[in-house]
Amino acid sequence: MVGKIFTIIAIAEGPGALVSVLGSTQVFFAILYGFILTKISPHIFEEDISRAAITKQLFLSIVMFCGVFLLI
C-alpha cells in the first residue's frame, strides 16, 4: 500500500514516463531478494537459484524492461 502511495506521488510530481520505467525495475529487485532469501533461509523460502534459472529470469526481465522502455 505504501509503495502504491509513493508511486502516485511520484507520478504527480515528476514525468509519468520516467516513473513508469523506474517502476518496471522492481522485477530485478525481486530476483535479488529471492536469491538472498534462499541463501539465508532455504527451508522457508525455496527458489531455484541455479545458474540456468537465474539467467532465464534476468533475460526475461530485461525483455520486459525493454518493452516498457519502448512504450515511452
N, C-alpha and C. Protein backbone atom coordinates (compact mmCIF):
# COMPACT_ATOMS: atom_id res chain seq x y z
N MET A 1 0.82 -1.18 0.00
CA MET A 1 0.00 0.00 0.00
C MET A 1 0.88 1.26 0.00
N VAL A 2 1.93 1.22 0.77
CA VAL A 2 2.84 2.37 0.83
C VAL A 2 3.52 2.57 -0.51
N GLY A 3 3.88 1.47 -1.17
CA GLY A 3 4.50 1.57 -2.49
C GLY A 3 3.59 2.21 -3.51
N LYS A 4 2.31 1.87 -3.47
CA LYS A 4 1.34 2.47 -4.39
C LYS A 4 1.20 3.97 -4.12
N ILE A 5 1.19 4.35 -2.85
CA ILE A 5 1.08 5.77 -2.50
C ILE A 5 2.28 6.55 -3.02
N PHE A 6 3.48 5.98 -2.83
CA PHE A 6 4.68 6.66 -3.32
C PHE A 6 4.69 6.73 -4.85
N THR A 7 4.17 5.71 -5.51
CA THR A 7 4.09 5.74 -6.97
C THR A 7 3.15 6.85 -7.44
N ILE A 8 2.02 6.99 -6.78
CA ILE A 8 1.08 8.05 -7.15
C ILE A 8 1.70 9.42 -6.92
N ILE A 9 2.40 9.59 -5.80
CA ILE A 9 3.07 10.86 -5.52
C ILE A 9 4.14 11.14 -6.56
N ALA A 10 4.91 10.10 -6.95
CA ALA A 10 5.97 10.28 -7.94
C ALA A 10 5.38 10.68 -9.29
N ILE A 11 4.28 10.07 -9.68
CA ILE A 11 3.65 10.43 -10.95
C ILE A 11 3.13 11.87 -10.90
N ALA A 12 2.61 12.27 -9.75
CA ALA A 12 2.10 13.64 -9.61
C ALA A 12 3.23 14.67 -9.64
N GLU A 13 4.38 14.31 -9.11
CA GLU A 13 5.49 15.26 -9.00
C GLU A 13 6.41 15.28 -10.22
N GLY A 14 6.56 14.15 -10.90
CA GLY A 14 7.54 14.08 -11.98
C GLY A 14 6.92 13.56 -13.26
N PRO A 15 7.75 13.39 -14.28
CA PRO A 15 7.24 12.87 -15.55
C PRO A 15 6.77 11.42 -15.40
N GLY A 16 5.57 11.15 -15.86
CA GLY A 16 4.98 9.83 -15.71
C GLY A 16 5.76 8.73 -16.43
N ALA A 17 6.35 9.06 -17.58
CA ALA A 17 7.10 8.06 -18.35
C ALA A 17 8.33 7.59 -17.57
N LEU A 18 9.02 8.54 -16.97
CA LEU A 18 10.21 8.18 -16.20
C LEU A 18 9.84 7.35 -14.97
N VAL A 19 8.76 7.70 -14.32
CA VAL A 19 8.30 6.95 -13.15
C VAL A 19 7.92 5.53 -13.57
N SER A 20 7.29 5.40 -14.73
CA SER A 20 6.90 4.09 -15.23
C SER A 20 8.11 3.21 -15.51
N VAL A 21 9.12 3.75 -16.14
CA VAL A 21 10.32 2.97 -16.44
C VAL A 21 11.04 2.57 -15.16
N LEU A 22 11.18 3.50 -14.24
CA LEU A 22 11.84 3.16 -12.98
C LEU A 22 11.03 2.16 -12.17
N GLY A 23 9.71 2.24 -12.26
CA GLY A 23 8.86 1.28 -11.56
C GLY A 23 8.98 -0.12 -12.12
N SER A 24 9.34 -0.23 -13.40
CA SER A 24 9.47 -1.55 -14.01
C SER A 24 10.75 -2.26 -13.58
N THR A 25 11.62 -1.58 -12.85
CA THR A 25 12.84 -2.23 -12.36
C THR A 25 12.58 -3.08 -11.12
N GLN A 26 11.35 -3.10 -10.64
CA GLN A 26 11.02 -3.89 -9.44
C GLN A 26 11.33 -5.36 -9.62
N VAL A 27 11.20 -5.86 -10.83
CA VAL A 27 11.42 -7.28 -11.08
C VAL A 27 12.88 -7.66 -10.78
N PHE A 28 13.82 -6.75 -11.03
CA PHE A 28 15.23 -7.04 -10.74
C PHE A 28 15.45 -7.14 -9.22
N PHE A 29 14.78 -6.30 -8.47
CA PHE A 29 14.87 -6.39 -7.01
C PHE A 29 14.24 -7.67 -6.49
N ALA A 30 13.16 -8.10 -7.12
CA ALA A 30 12.50 -9.34 -6.71
C ALA A 30 13.42 -10.54 -6.93
N ILE A 31 14.14 -10.56 -8.04
CA ILE A 31 15.10 -11.64 -8.30
C ILE A 31 16.20 -11.62 -7.26
N LEU A 32 16.71 -10.44 -6.94
CA LEU A 32 17.76 -10.30 -5.94
C LEU A 32 17.28 -10.74 -4.56
N TYR A 33 16.09 -10.30 -4.17
CA TYR A 33 15.53 -10.70 -2.86
C TYR A 33 15.32 -12.19 -2.80
N GLY A 34 14.83 -12.80 -3.88
CA GLY A 34 14.64 -14.24 -3.91
C GLY A 34 15.94 -14.99 -3.73
N PHE A 35 16.99 -14.52 -4.37
CA PHE A 35 18.31 -15.15 -4.25
C PHE A 35 18.83 -15.04 -2.82
N ILE A 36 18.74 -13.83 -2.26
CA ILE A 36 19.26 -13.61 -0.90
C ILE A 36 18.47 -14.41 0.13
N LEU A 37 17.15 -14.41 0.03
CA LEU A 37 16.33 -15.15 0.99
C LEU A 37 16.55 -16.64 0.89
N THR A 38 16.81 -17.15 -0.31
CA THR A 38 17.08 -18.58 -0.46
C THR A 38 18.41 -18.93 0.19
N LYS A 39 19.39 -18.06 0.09
CA LYS A 39 20.68 -18.30 0.74
C LYS A 39 20.58 -18.22 2.26
N ILE A 40 19.78 -17.28 2.77
CA ILE A 40 19.67 -17.09 4.22
C ILE A 40 18.85 -18.19 4.87
N SER A 41 17.68 -18.48 4.33
CA SER A 41 16.82 -19.50 4.94
C SER A 41 16.17 -20.37 3.87
N PRO A 42 16.90 -21.36 3.37
CA PRO A 42 16.37 -22.20 2.28
C PRO A 42 15.20 -23.09 2.71
N HIS A 43 15.06 -23.36 4.00
CA HIS A 43 13.95 -24.20 4.45
C HIS A 43 12.62 -23.44 4.47
N ILE A 44 12.67 -22.12 4.48
CA ILE A 44 11.45 -21.31 4.49
C ILE A 44 11.14 -20.81 3.08
N PHE A 45 12.15 -20.32 2.38
CA PHE A 45 11.96 -19.71 1.07
C PHE A 45 12.70 -20.54 0.04
N GLU A 46 11.96 -21.24 -0.79
CA GLU A 46 12.58 -22.11 -1.79
C GLU A 46 12.48 -21.46 -3.17
N GLU A 47 13.61 -21.22 -3.76
CA GLU A 47 13.68 -20.62 -5.09
C GLU A 47 14.76 -21.36 -5.86
N ASP A 48 14.52 -21.60 -7.13
CA ASP A 48 15.51 -22.24 -7.98
C ASP A 48 16.59 -21.21 -8.31
N ILE A 49 17.76 -21.37 -7.70
CA ILE A 49 18.82 -20.38 -7.91
C ILE A 49 19.98 -20.97 -8.71
N SER A 50 19.67 -21.95 -9.54
CA SER A 50 20.72 -22.48 -10.42
C SER A 50 21.09 -21.41 -11.44
N ARG A 51 22.25 -21.57 -12.03
CA ARG A 51 22.73 -20.58 -12.99
C ARG A 51 21.77 -20.44 -14.17
N ALA A 52 21.23 -21.54 -14.63
CA ALA A 52 20.30 -21.51 -15.77
C ALA A 52 19.01 -20.77 -15.40
N ALA A 53 18.48 -21.00 -14.21
CA ALA A 53 17.23 -20.36 -13.80
C ALA A 53 17.42 -18.85 -13.62
N ILE A 54 18.53 -18.45 -12.99
CA ILE A 54 18.80 -17.02 -12.79
C ILE A 54 19.01 -16.33 -14.13
N THR A 55 19.73 -16.98 -15.03
CA THR A 55 19.96 -16.40 -16.36
C THR A 55 18.64 -16.22 -17.11
N LYS A 56 17.78 -17.23 -17.03
CA LYS A 56 16.47 -17.13 -17.68
C LYS A 56 15.65 -15.99 -17.08
N GLN A 57 15.64 -15.87 -15.76
CA GLN A 57 14.88 -14.81 -15.11
C GLN A 57 15.41 -13.44 -15.50
N LEU A 58 16.73 -13.29 -15.51
CA LEU A 58 17.31 -11.99 -15.88
C LEU A 58 17.03 -11.64 -17.34
N PHE A 59 17.13 -12.64 -18.22
CA PHE A 59 16.86 -12.39 -19.63
C PHE A 59 15.41 -11.94 -19.84
N LEU A 60 14.48 -12.65 -19.24
CA LEU A 60 13.07 -12.28 -19.40
C LEU A 60 12.77 -10.94 -18.74
N SER A 61 13.46 -10.62 -17.66
CA SER A 61 13.28 -9.32 -17.01
C SER A 61 13.79 -8.19 -17.91
N ILE A 62 14.90 -8.42 -18.57
CA ILE A 62 15.44 -7.42 -19.49
C ILE A 62 14.50 -7.22 -20.67
N VAL A 63 13.93 -8.31 -21.19
CA VAL A 63 12.96 -8.20 -22.28
C VAL A 63 11.76 -7.37 -21.83
N MET A 64 11.27 -7.64 -20.62
CA MET A 64 10.13 -6.89 -20.10
C MET A 64 10.50 -5.41 -19.91
N PHE A 65 11.66 -5.15 -19.37
CA PHE A 65 12.12 -3.78 -19.16
C PHE A 65 12.22 -3.03 -20.49
N CYS A 66 12.77 -3.69 -21.50
CA CYS A 66 12.89 -3.06 -22.82
C CYS A 66 11.51 -2.79 -23.42
N GLY A 67 10.57 -3.69 -23.19
CA GLY A 67 9.21 -3.48 -23.67
C GLY A 67 8.57 -2.26 -23.03
N VAL A 68 8.77 -2.08 -21.74
CA VAL A 68 8.24 -0.89 -21.06
C VAL A 68 8.94 0.35 -21.58
N PHE A 69 10.24 0.25 -21.81
CA PHE A 69 11.00 1.40 -22.31
C PHE A 69 10.53 1.81 -23.71
N LEU A 70 10.16 0.82 -24.54
CA LEU A 70 9.69 1.13 -25.90
C LEU A 70 8.32 1.80 -25.90
N LEU A 71 7.57 1.64 -24.84
CA LEU A 71 6.25 2.26 -24.78
C LEU A 71 6.30 3.77 -24.55
N ILE A 72 7.45 4.24 -24.16
CA ILE A 72 7.57 5.68 -23.86
C ILE A 72 7.55 6.49 -25.11
